[in-house]
N, C-alpha and C. Protein backbone atom coordinates (compact mmCIF):
# COMPACT_ATOMS: atom_id res chain seq x y z
N UNK A 1 225.83 132.40 69.72
CA UNK A 1 225.36 133.11 70.90
C UNK A 1 223.86 133.32 70.80
N UNK A 2 223.20 133.23 71.94
CA UNK A 2 221.77 133.47 71.87
C UNK A 2 221.49 134.97 71.90
N UNK A 3 220.25 135.32 71.64
CA UNK A 3 219.88 136.73 71.46
C UNK A 3 220.06 137.55 72.73
N UNK A 4 219.67 137.02 73.87
CA UNK A 4 219.77 137.78 75.11
C UNK A 4 221.23 138.02 75.50
N UNK A 5 222.08 137.04 75.28
CA UNK A 5 223.49 137.19 75.62
C UNK A 5 224.14 138.27 74.77
N UNK A 6 223.82 138.33 73.49
CA UNK A 6 224.36 139.39 72.63
C UNK A 6 223.92 140.76 73.11
N UNK A 7 222.66 140.87 73.47
CA UNK A 7 222.15 142.16 73.94
C UNK A 7 222.87 142.57 75.23
N UNK A 8 223.06 141.63 76.13
CA UNK A 8 223.75 141.92 77.39
C UNK A 8 225.20 142.32 77.14
N UNK A 9 225.87 141.65 76.21
CA UNK A 9 227.26 141.97 75.92
C UNK A 9 227.43 143.37 75.34
N UNK A 10 226.43 143.91 74.69
CA UNK A 10 226.51 145.28 74.17
C UNK A 10 226.04 146.31 75.18
N UNK A 11 225.13 145.92 76.08
CA UNK A 11 224.56 146.88 77.01
C UNK A 11 225.46 147.11 78.23
N UNK A 12 226.14 146.09 78.71
CA UNK A 12 226.97 146.21 79.92
C UNK A 12 228.03 147.30 79.79
N UNK A 13 228.84 147.34 78.72
CA UNK A 13 229.82 148.44 78.62
C UNK A 13 229.17 149.81 78.56
N UNK A 14 228.01 149.89 77.94
CA UNK A 14 227.30 151.17 77.86
C UNK A 14 226.86 151.63 79.25
N UNK A 15 226.37 150.72 80.05
CA UNK A 15 225.99 151.05 81.42
C UNK A 15 227.21 151.49 82.22
N UNK A 16 228.34 150.84 81.99
CA UNK A 16 229.58 151.23 82.68
C UNK A 16 229.98 152.66 82.33
N UNK A 17 229.81 153.06 81.08
CA UNK A 17 230.12 154.44 80.69
C UNK A 17 229.22 155.42 81.42
N UNK A 18 227.93 155.09 81.54
CA UNK A 18 227.02 155.98 82.27
C UNK A 18 227.42 156.08 83.74
N UNK A 19 227.83 154.97 84.34
CA UNK A 19 228.28 155.01 85.73
C UNK A 19 229.54 155.84 85.89
N UNK A 20 230.45 155.75 84.92
CA UNK A 20 231.66 156.57 84.95
C UNK A 20 231.29 158.05 84.91
N UNK A 21 230.35 158.42 84.05
CA UNK A 21 229.91 159.81 83.96
C UNK A 21 229.33 160.27 85.29
N UNK A 22 228.51 159.45 85.91
CA UNK A 22 227.89 159.83 87.18
C UNK A 22 228.93 160.01 88.27
N UNK A 23 229.80 159.01 88.43
CA UNK A 23 230.80 159.08 89.50
C UNK A 23 231.83 160.18 89.26
N UNK A 24 232.23 160.38 88.01
CA UNK A 24 233.18 161.44 87.71
C UNK A 24 232.55 162.81 87.95
N UNK A 25 231.28 162.96 87.62
CA UNK A 25 230.58 164.22 87.88
C UNK A 25 230.48 164.50 89.37
N UNK A 26 230.18 163.48 90.16
CA UNK A 26 230.11 163.65 91.61
C UNK A 26 231.48 164.03 92.15
N UNK A 27 232.53 163.35 91.68
CA UNK A 27 233.88 163.63 92.15
C UNK A 27 234.30 165.06 91.80
N UNK A 28 233.97 165.49 90.60
CA UNK A 28 234.30 166.86 90.20
C UNK A 28 233.52 167.86 91.05
N UNK A 29 232.26 167.59 91.31
CA UNK A 29 231.45 168.50 92.12
C UNK A 29 232.00 168.61 93.55
N UNK A 30 232.48 167.50 94.08
CA UNK A 30 233.06 167.52 95.42
C UNK A 30 234.39 168.28 95.44
N UNK A 31 235.18 168.12 94.39
CA UNK A 31 236.53 168.70 94.37
C UNK A 31 236.64 169.94 93.49
N UNK A 32 235.54 170.62 93.23
CA UNK A 32 235.57 171.77 92.33
C UNK A 32 236.47 172.89 92.87
N UNK A 33 236.49 173.07 94.18
CA UNK A 33 237.32 174.14 94.74
C UNK A 33 238.81 173.83 94.65
N UNK A 34 239.17 172.56 94.52
CA UNK A 34 240.58 172.18 94.37
C UNK A 34 241.01 172.13 92.92
N UNK A 35 240.07 171.94 92.01
CA UNK A 35 240.42 171.84 90.59
C UNK A 35 240.55 173.20 89.93
N UNK A 36 239.81 174.17 90.41
CA UNK A 36 239.88 175.51 89.80
C UNK A 36 241.25 176.17 89.93
N UNK A 37 241.88 176.17 91.10
CA UNK A 37 243.18 176.84 91.22
C UNK A 37 244.28 176.23 90.34
N UNK A 38 244.18 174.95 90.05
CA UNK A 38 245.22 174.33 89.21
C UNK A 38 244.78 174.22 87.74
N UNK A 39 243.69 174.88 87.39
CA UNK A 39 243.18 174.94 86.01
C UNK A 39 242.91 173.56 85.41
N UNK A 40 242.32 172.69 86.17
CA UNK A 40 241.97 171.36 85.67
C UNK A 40 240.46 171.14 85.58
N UNK A 41 239.67 172.09 86.05
CA UNK A 41 238.22 171.92 86.03
C UNK A 41 237.70 171.79 84.61
N UNK A 42 238.19 172.63 83.70
CA UNK A 42 237.71 172.56 82.32
C UNK A 42 238.09 171.24 81.65
N UNK A 43 239.23 170.67 82.01
CA UNK A 43 239.64 169.38 81.46
C UNK A 43 238.69 168.28 81.90
N UNK A 44 238.34 168.27 83.18
CA UNK A 44 237.44 167.24 83.69
C UNK A 44 236.03 167.41 83.14
N UNK A 45 235.56 168.62 83.00
CA UNK A 45 234.23 168.85 82.41
C UNK A 45 234.22 168.39 80.95
N UNK A 46 235.30 168.67 80.23
CA UNK A 46 235.41 168.22 78.84
C UNK A 46 235.41 166.69 78.76
N UNK A 47 236.12 166.03 79.69
CA UNK A 47 236.14 164.56 79.71
C UNK A 47 234.75 164.00 80.00
N UNK A 48 234.04 164.63 80.92
CA UNK A 48 232.69 164.17 81.25
C UNK A 48 231.78 164.30 80.03
N UNK A 49 231.89 165.41 79.32
CA UNK A 49 231.07 165.62 78.12
C UNK A 49 231.41 164.59 77.04
N UNK A 50 232.70 164.30 76.85
CA UNK A 50 233.09 163.30 75.85
C UNK A 50 232.59 161.91 76.21
N UNK A 51 232.74 161.52 77.47
CA UNK A 51 232.27 160.19 77.89
C UNK A 51 230.76 160.10 77.78
N UNK A 52 230.05 161.17 78.12
CA UNK A 52 228.60 161.17 77.97
C UNK A 52 228.20 161.06 76.50
N UNK A 53 228.94 161.73 75.62
CA UNK A 53 228.67 161.61 74.18
C UNK A 53 228.85 160.19 73.67
N UNK A 54 229.92 159.53 74.13
CA UNK A 54 230.15 158.14 73.74
C UNK A 54 229.02 157.25 74.26
N UNK A 55 228.58 157.50 75.47
CA UNK A 55 227.48 156.72 76.04
C UNK A 55 226.19 156.90 75.25
N UNK A 56 225.88 158.14 74.92
CA UNK A 56 224.65 158.41 74.17
C UNK A 56 224.70 157.80 72.77
N UNK A 57 225.84 157.90 72.11
CA UNK A 57 225.97 157.29 70.78
C UNK A 57 225.87 155.77 70.87
N UNK A 58 226.45 155.19 71.91
CA UNK A 58 226.34 153.75 72.11
C UNK A 58 224.92 153.32 72.34
N UNK A 59 224.19 154.10 73.13
CA UNK A 59 222.78 153.79 73.38
C UNK A 59 221.97 153.87 72.09
N UNK A 60 222.21 154.92 71.31
CA UNK A 60 221.52 155.06 70.03
C UNK A 60 221.82 153.88 69.12
N UNK A 61 223.07 153.47 69.05
CA UNK A 61 223.46 152.36 68.19
C UNK A 61 222.79 151.07 68.62
N UNK A 62 222.76 150.80 69.92
CA UNK A 62 222.14 149.57 70.42
C UNK A 62 220.64 149.58 70.14
N UNK A 63 219.98 150.70 70.39
CA UNK A 63 218.54 150.79 70.12
C UNK A 63 218.26 150.60 68.63
N UNK A 64 219.08 151.20 67.79
CA UNK A 64 218.91 151.05 66.34
C UNK A 64 219.07 149.60 65.93
N UNK A 65 220.10 148.93 66.46
CA UNK A 65 220.32 147.52 66.12
C UNK A 65 219.16 146.64 66.58
N UNK A 66 218.63 146.92 67.77
CA UNK A 66 217.51 146.12 68.28
C UNK A 66 216.27 146.32 67.42
N UNK A 67 215.99 147.58 67.06
CA UNK A 67 214.79 147.86 66.25
C UNK A 67 214.87 147.28 64.85
N UNK A 68 216.06 147.28 64.26
CA UNK A 68 216.19 146.77 62.90
C UNK A 68 216.51 145.28 62.85
N UNK A 69 216.74 144.68 64.01
CA UNK A 69 217.02 143.25 64.06
C UNK A 69 218.46 142.90 63.73
N UNK A 70 219.33 143.87 63.61
CA UNK A 70 220.71 143.59 63.26
C UNK A 70 221.51 143.01 64.41
N UNK A 71 221.05 143.20 65.62
CA UNK A 71 221.78 142.70 66.77
C UNK A 71 221.78 141.18 66.79
N UNK A 72 220.79 140.58 66.17
CA UNK A 72 220.64 139.14 66.22
C UNK A 72 221.26 138.44 65.03
N UNK A 73 221.64 139.18 64.01
CA UNK A 73 222.25 138.59 62.84
C UNK A 73 223.75 138.47 63.06
N UNK A 74 224.43 137.86 62.13
CA UNK A 74 225.88 137.80 62.23
C UNK A 74 226.43 139.20 62.06
N UNK A 75 227.36 139.56 62.92
CA UNK A 75 227.90 140.90 62.90
C UNK A 75 229.40 140.86 62.60
N UNK A 76 229.85 141.81 61.80
CA UNK A 76 231.25 141.90 61.48
C UNK A 76 231.94 142.82 62.49
N UNK A 77 232.91 142.28 63.17
CA UNK A 77 233.70 143.10 64.09
C UNK A 77 235.16 142.78 63.82
N UNK A 78 235.86 143.77 63.39
CA UNK A 78 237.29 143.67 63.07
C UNK A 78 237.58 142.49 62.14
N UNK A 79 236.73 142.29 61.17
CA UNK A 79 236.97 141.28 60.16
C UNK A 79 236.54 139.87 60.54
N UNK A 80 236.00 139.67 61.71
CA UNK A 80 235.57 138.34 62.14
C UNK A 80 234.06 138.31 62.27
N UNK A 81 233.48 137.21 61.93
CA UNK A 81 232.03 137.05 62.05
C UNK A 81 231.73 136.33 63.35
N UNK A 82 230.87 136.96 64.18
CA UNK A 82 230.43 136.31 65.41
C UNK A 82 229.19 135.49 65.10
N UNK A 83 229.19 134.26 65.45
CA UNK A 83 228.02 133.40 65.22
C UNK A 83 227.16 133.33 66.44
């Protein structure tokens, strides 16, 4: 795989997580008056925080790999080497 394709393959899922956080936050803000009576508001806020945490950790990991040059080397994923 070439260098740009590897970077894109790691960045696209991360962008999707950020979009999920944005859309879920908007949906919760729109439906906040319906979620409070059924005690689901705290669950959705917790999910948003967890997904945002995963997104931020993914961003940190990708930036670290790019800075150290590890993104371009052979990487071990589940026991297989990607060339």
